[in-house]
Amino acid sequence: MTNPFQYEQAFSRNIGWVTPNEQASLRGKRVAIAGGGGVGGVHLLTLARLGVSHFHIADFDTFDIVNFNRQVGAMMSTVGQPKAEVLARMARDINPEIDIKVFPEGVSKGNLKEFLDGVDLYVDALDFFAFDARKHTFAACAEYGIPATTAAPLGMGAALLNFLPGKMTFEEYFQWGDLPDLDKAIRFMVGLAPAGLHRPYLVMPEAVNFDERRGPSTFMACQLCAGIVATEALKILLGRGDVLAAPHGMQFDAYRNKLARTWRPGGNGNLLHRLMISVAKRQFARTPAAATAR
């Protein structure tokens, strides 16, 4: 005997932290998630279990064995399969009534209007090095008045930034402009987590290689990101609770049991950030990979 799916029953244990009316409101919300990797997949499933029932998800990649340490959709049964399709299937297995529009080509300037159409919140889960896609997506959110949030999985913790309508934009904070990718990477790294709580326990710095566009990761960090982002999403979508926007930020590190709240007026134009960027550029220039990155 099978039990037919009933939305109210499936998400009844959310009630108490949200009211029945708020749960009904979440059911009607639409969230766009670009990226289906380490954080993107767990963002989708966490929000699906919160009861959000409408999604736009975008990813052009397929699952591989190197994804196994951190990506919820990466399993032997899904190797070689499109990430977005696998994740959509997993979300529908949680909520058969869920409405998911898949963008299998990823996000680009050409499809952003469609990707963000009717969206109540954008959740950034793009690869760290997807500079153009990220720049254009956040710019479109600012243009369309869509709140956007991003959480970076760093070490065994997470760093959060929100970009809200009428507040500081992504470009105003990170100040990428038309800089080379290396400069964008350094500015992104500094801007995401100015507190740097994760840096002291990086036991093999050589594992971070901007030239090869790779870095170490943990599933713990991805899960922490999803918990933080889903909580921010709940507050934004329901219009309750304090939501801090950039240049305010937050980083929690589970390994060090530390929480840091940051405020950097001017973003990467802040004097402290400019110093950190300068130091990071000098450090990178001393690494063997720098010769080929220039």
Protein backbone atom coordinates (compact mmCIF):
# COMPACT_ATOMS: atom_id res chain seq x y z
CA MET A 1 0.00 0.00 0.00
CA THR A 2 1.39 3.39 -0.96
CA ASN A 3 0.70 6.71 0.74
CA PRO A 4 -0.37 9.44 -1.69
CA PHE A 5 1.70 12.61 -1.44
CA GLN A 6 0.07 15.43 0.49
CA TYR A 7 1.96 18.73 0.73
CA GLU A 8 0.55 19.71 4.12
CA GLN A 9 1.51 16.36 5.63
CA ALA A 10 4.94 16.22 4.00
CA PHE A 11 5.99 19.58 5.48
CA SER A 12 3.92 19.55 8.66
CA ARG A 13 7.02 19.34 10.86
CA ASN A 14 8.06 22.79 9.64
CA ILE A 15 5.03 24.21 11.43
CA GLY A 16 6.05 25.87 14.65
CA TRP A 17 9.07 27.55 13.12
CA VAL A 18 6.74 28.83 10.41
CA THR A 19 2.99 29.31 10.57
CA PRO A 20 0.59 27.38 8.31
CA ASN A 21 0.06 30.57 6.31
CA GLU A 22 3.81 31.06 5.92
CA GLN A 23 4.20 27.46 4.80
CA ALA A 24 1.51 28.05 2.20
CA SER A 25 3.40 31.16 1.10
CA LEU A 26 6.64 29.20 0.69
CA ARG A 27 4.76 26.71 -1.45
CA GLY A 28 4.10 29.44 -4.00
CA LYS A 29 7.60 30.93 -4.10
CA ARG A 30 9.98 30.54 -7.04
CA VAL A 31 13.76 30.33 -6.50
CA ALA A 32 16.42 30.35 -9.22
CA ILE A 33 19.65 28.44 -8.57
CA ALA A 34 22.57 28.68 -10.99
CA GLY A 35 25.02 25.82 -10.54
CA GLY A 36 24.31 22.23 -9.55
CA GLY A 37 27.60 21.29 -7.93
CA GLY A 38 28.73 21.25 -4.32
CA VAL A 39 26.42 23.93 -2.97
CA GLY A 40 23.82 24.10 -5.75
CA GLY A 41 22.51 20.59 -5.29
CA VAL A 42 22.19 20.77 -1.53
CA HIS A 43 20.62 24.25 -1.81
CA LEU A 44 17.91 22.81 -4.05
CA LEU A 45 17.15 19.83 -1.83
CA THR A 46 17.19 21.90 1.37
CA LEU A 47 14.77 24.45 -0.08
CA ALA A 48 12.60 21.64 -1.46
CA ARG A 49 12.37 20.16 2.05
CA LEU A 50 11.48 23.62 3.33
CA GLY A 51 8.46 23.40 1.04
CA VAL A 52 9.46 25.81 -1.71
CA SER A 53 7.78 24.34 -4.79
CA HIS A 54 8.93 26.33 -7.83
CA PHE A 55 12.50 26.42 -9.13
CA HIS A 56 14.62 27.41 -12.07
CA ILE A 57 17.91 25.48 -12.02
CA ALA A 58 20.83 25.78 -14.43
CA ASP A 59 23.93 23.68 -15.03
CA PHE A 60 25.62 22.45 -18.22
CA ASP A 61 27.91 19.87 -16.58
CA THR A 62 27.69 16.13 -15.89
CA PHE A 63 28.62 14.23 -12.74
CA ASP A 64 32.09 12.70 -12.40
CA ILE A 65 33.88 10.73 -9.70
CA VAL A 66 35.86 13.81 -8.61
CA ASN A 67 32.52 15.27 -7.46
CA PHE A 68 31.88 12.49 -4.92
CA ASN A 69 33.39 14.27 -1.90
CA ARG A 70 30.90 17.14 -1.90
CA GLN A 71 28.05 16.95 -4.42
CA VAL A 72 24.72 15.42 -3.31
CA GLY A 73 23.84 14.24 -6.80
CA ALA A 74 27.19 12.53 -7.42
CA MET A 75 26.86 8.74 -7.11
CA MET A 76 28.01 5.73 -9.11
CA SER A 77 24.52 5.55 -10.57
CA THR A 78 24.71 9.15 -11.86
CA VAL A 79 28.24 9.36 -13.27
CA GLY A 80 28.03 10.91 -16.72
CA GLN A 81 24.49 12.15 -16.24
CA PRO A 82 23.56 15.87 -16.48
CA LYS A 83 23.69 17.48 -13.05
CA ALA A 84 20.57 19.60 -13.49
CA GLU A 85 18.46 16.63 -14.62
CA VAL A 86 19.65 14.42 -11.75
CA LEU A 87 18.96 17.11 -9.17
CA ALA A 88 15.53 17.86 -10.61
CA ARG A 89 14.73 14.16 -10.32
CA MET A 90 15.89 14.10 -6.69
CA ALA A 91 13.79 17.17 -5.83
CA ARG A 92 10.70 15.67 -7.49
CA ASP A 93 11.25 12.54 -5.41
CA ILE A 94 10.84 14.75 -2.32
CA ASN A 95 7.85 16.66 -3.68
CA PRO A 96 6.13 15.14 -6.74
CA GLU A 97 4.18 18.38 -7.20
CA ILE A 98 7.31 20.46 -7.51
CA ASP A 99 7.66 22.69 -10.58
CA ILE A 100 11.24 22.79 -11.88
CA LYS A 101 12.38 24.44 -15.08
CA VAL A 102 15.78 23.13 -16.11
CA PHE A 103 18.30 25.21 -18.05
CA PRO A 104 20.68 22.49 -19.29
CA GLU A 105 22.98 24.98 -21.05
CA GLY A 106 23.72 26.86 -17.79
CA VAL A 107 23.25 30.60 -17.47
CA SER A 108 24.49 33.24 -19.90
CA LYS A 109 23.61 36.76 -21.00
CA GLY A 110 21.34 35.22 -23.62
CA ASN A 111 19.01 33.35 -21.24
CA LEU A 112 19.14 35.41 -18.04
CA LYS A 113 15.84 37.15 -18.67
CA GLU A 114 14.07 33.80 -18.97
CA PHE A 115 16.05 32.27 -16.10
CA LEU A 116 15.03 35.08 -13.73
CA ASP A 117 11.47 35.51 -15.00
CA GLY A 118 8.98 35.43 -12.12
CA VAL A 119 11.70 34.60 -9.59
CA ASP A 120 11.39 35.69 -5.94
CA LEU A 121 15.02 34.96 -5.01
CA TYR A 122 18.27 34.10 -6.77
CA VAL A 123 20.68 31.70 -5.06
CA ASP A 124 24.23 31.74 -6.43
CA ALA A 125 25.87 28.33 -6.68
CA LEU A 126 28.12 28.86 -9.68
CA ASP A 127 31.65 27.52 -9.77
CA PHE A 128 34.14 29.87 -8.10
CA PHE A 129 35.77 30.59 -11.48
CA ALA A 130 32.55 31.28 -13.44
CA PHE A 131 33.33 34.99 -13.47
CA ASP A 132 31.37 36.12 -16.53
CA ALA A 133 28.23 34.13 -15.70
CA ARG A 134 28.28 35.34 -12.10
CA LYS A 135 28.88 38.98 -13.04
CA HIS A 136 26.02 39.03 -15.54
CA THR A 137 23.61 37.13 -13.29
CA PHE A 138 24.07 39.44 -10.31
CA ALA A 139 23.83 42.48 -12.59
CA ALA A 140 20.53 41.18 -13.95
CA CYS A 141 19.23 40.61 -10.41
CA ALA A 142 20.05 44.23 -9.56
CA GLU A 143 18.34 45.41 -12.75
CA TYR A 144 15.18 43.37 -12.13
CA GLY A 145 15.02 44.06 -8.38
CA ILE A 146 15.54 40.41 -7.38
CA PRO A 147 17.19 39.67 -4.01
CA ALA A 148 20.28 37.49 -4.37
CA THR A 149 22.33 35.50 -1.89
CA THR A 150 25.59 33.61 -2.07
CA ALA A 151 27.38 31.40 0.44
CA ALA A 152 30.93 30.22 -0.16
CA PRO A 153 32.04 26.80 1.16
CA LEU A 154 35.42 27.59 2.66
CA GLY A 155 37.38 24.96 4.56
CA MET A 156 34.87 23.51 6.99
CA GLY A 157 32.68 26.57 7.18
CA ALA A 158 30.66 29.04 5.15
CA ALA A 159 30.75 32.74 4.29
CA LEU A 160 27.56 34.62 3.42
CA LEU A 161 26.77 37.75 1.43
CA ASN A 162 23.34 39.09 0.48
CA PHE A 163 22.69 41.56 -2.34
CA LEU A 164 19.28 43.15 -1.94
CA PRO A 165 17.31 45.55 -4.17
CA GLY A 166 18.29 49.16 -3.56
CA LYS A 167 21.43 48.20 -1.64
CA MET A 168 25.06 47.78 -2.66
CA THR A 169 25.35 45.71 -5.84
CA PHE A 170 27.67 42.79 -6.54
CA GLU A 171 29.85 44.93 -8.83
CA GLU A 172 30.00 47.79 -6.33
CA TYR A 173 31.18 45.36 -3.67
CA PHE A 174 33.66 43.20 -5.61
CA GLN A 175 34.74 45.84 -8.18
CA TRP A 176 35.66 43.38 -10.92
CA GLY A 177 35.18 45.67 -13.91
CA ASP A 178 37.14 44.32 -16.88
CA LEU A 179 40.05 43.01 -14.82
CA PRO A 180 41.85 39.78 -15.80
CA ASP A 181 40.48 36.55 -14.32
CA LEU A 182 43.34 36.26 -11.83
CA ASP A 183 42.49 39.66 -10.37
CA LYS A 184 38.81 38.73 -10.25
CA ALA A 185 39.65 35.50 -8.43
CA ILE A 186 41.71 37.33 -5.80
CA ARG A 187 39.07 40.03 -5.33
CA PHE A 188 36.36 37.38 -5.07
CA MET A 189 38.35 35.42 -2.48
CA VAL A 190 39.04 38.51 -0.37
CA GLY A 191 35.53 39.90 -0.67
CA LEU A 192 33.72 36.66 0.14
CA ALA A 193 35.42 36.10 3.49
CA PRO A 194 37.44 39.06 4.71
CA ALA A 195 37.65 37.49 8.17
CA GLY A 196 39.60 34.56 6.68
CA LEU A 197 38.63 32.10 9.42
CA HIS A 198 39.43 29.12 7.20
CA ARG A 199 42.99 30.06 6.29
CA PRO A 200 44.94 28.91 9.40
CA TYR A 201 44.16 25.19 8.92
CA LEU A 202 44.83 24.87 5.19
CA VAL A 203 47.48 22.16 5.58
CA MET A 204 48.44 22.03 1.88
CA PRO A 205 48.34 25.52 0.34
CA GLU A 206 49.50 24.09 -2.98
CA ALA A 207 46.06 22.44 -3.33
CA VAL A 208 44.73 25.93 -4.20
CA ASN A 209 45.68 26.47 -7.83
CA PHE A 210 44.07 29.40 -9.65
CA ASP A 211 45.93 28.50 -12.85
CA GLU A 212 44.28 25.07 -12.99
CA ARG A 213 41.03 26.46 -11.56
CA ARG A 214 40.84 24.05 -8.67
CA GLY A 215 40.85 24.07 -4.89
CA PRO A 216 40.10 21.75 -1.96
CA SER A 217 36.55 21.31 -0.69
CA THR A 218 34.52 19.52 1.98
CA PHE A 219 30.92 18.36 2.13
CA MET A 220 30.62 19.81 5.62
CA ALA A 221 31.15 23.28 4.17
CA CYS A 222 28.52 22.68 1.47
CA GLN A 223 25.98 21.53 4.03
CA LEU A 224 26.65 24.53 6.25
CA CYS A 225 26.19 26.81 3.23
CA ALA A 226 22.82 25.21 2.48
CA GLY A 227 21.60 25.64 6.04
CA ILE A 228 22.61 29.29 6.08
CA VAL A 229 21.25 30.07 2.60
CA ALA A 230 17.92 28.33 3.25
CA THR A 231 17.55 30.33 6.46
CA GLU A 232 18.27 33.58 4.61
CA ALA A 233 15.84 32.46 1.91
CA LEU A 234 13.12 31.87 4.49
CA LYS A 235 13.59 35.36 5.92
CA ILE A 236 13.69 37.02 2.50
CA LEU A 237 10.74 35.09 1.07
CA LEU A 238 8.56 35.56 4.15
CA GLY A 239 9.70 39.10 4.91
CA ARG A 240 10.60 38.47 8.54
CA GLY A 241 13.82 38.48 10.51
CA ASP A 242 16.93 40.60 10.01
CA VAL A 243 18.58 40.24 6.61
CA LEU A 244 21.93 42.01 6.36
CA ALA A 245 23.02 43.16 2.92
CA ALA A 246 26.50 43.79 1.57
CA PRO A 247 28.79 45.38 2.63
CA HIS A 248 27.76 43.40 5.72
CA GLY A 249 28.84 39.76 5.66
CA MET A 250 29.18 36.74 7.89
CA GLN A 251 31.51 33.74 8.16
CA PHE A 252 31.09 30.71 10.40
CA ASP A 253 33.86 28.14 10.72
CA ALA A 254 32.92 24.84 12.36
CA TYR A 255 36.52 23.63 12.57
CA ARG A 256 37.57 26.61 14.65
CA ASN A 257 34.18 27.12 16.34
CA LYS A 258 34.24 30.76 15.36
CA LEU A 259 31.73 33.24 13.99
CA ALA A 260 32.76 36.54 12.42
CA ARG A 261 30.48 39.35 11.27
CA THR A 262 32.09 41.79 8.89
CA TRP A 263 31.28 45.27 7.63
CA ARG A 264 33.38 46.63 4.80
CA PRO A 265 32.08 49.98 3.53
CA GLY A 266 33.19 50.33 -0.07
CA GLY A 267 33.61 46.59 -0.49
CA ASN A 268 36.93 45.86 -2.19
CA GLY A 269 37.54 49.60 -2.31
CA ASN A 270 37.89 49.52 1.47
CA LEU A 271 41.44 50.21 2.62
CA LEU A 272 41.68 46.90 4.48
CA HIS A 273 40.50 44.99 1.41
CA ARG A 274 42.94 46.84 -0.83
CA LEU A 275 45.78 45.78 1.46
CA MET A 276 44.55 42.16 1.51
CA ILE A 277 44.28 42.13 -2.29
CA SER A 278 47.81 43.51 -2.61
CA VAL A 279 49.22 40.87 -0.25
CA ALA A 280 47.33 38.07 -2.05
CA LYS A 281 48.69 39.20 -5.43
CA ARG A 282 52.25 39.19 -4.09
CA GLN A 283 51.78 35.74 -2.59
CA PHE A 284 50.36 34.38 -5.81
CA ALA A 285 53.22 35.89 -7.82
CA ARG A 286 55.63 33.70 -5.81
CA THR A 287 53.84 30.43 -6.66
CA PRO A 288 55.02 28.22 -9.56
CA ALA A 289 51.59 28.43 -11.22
CA ALA A 290 51.86 32.19 -11.54
CA ALA A 291 54.23 31.99 -14.46
CA THR A 292 51.62 30.36 -16.69
CA ALA A 293 48.72 32.39 -15.29
CA ARG A 294 50.10 35.71 -16.51
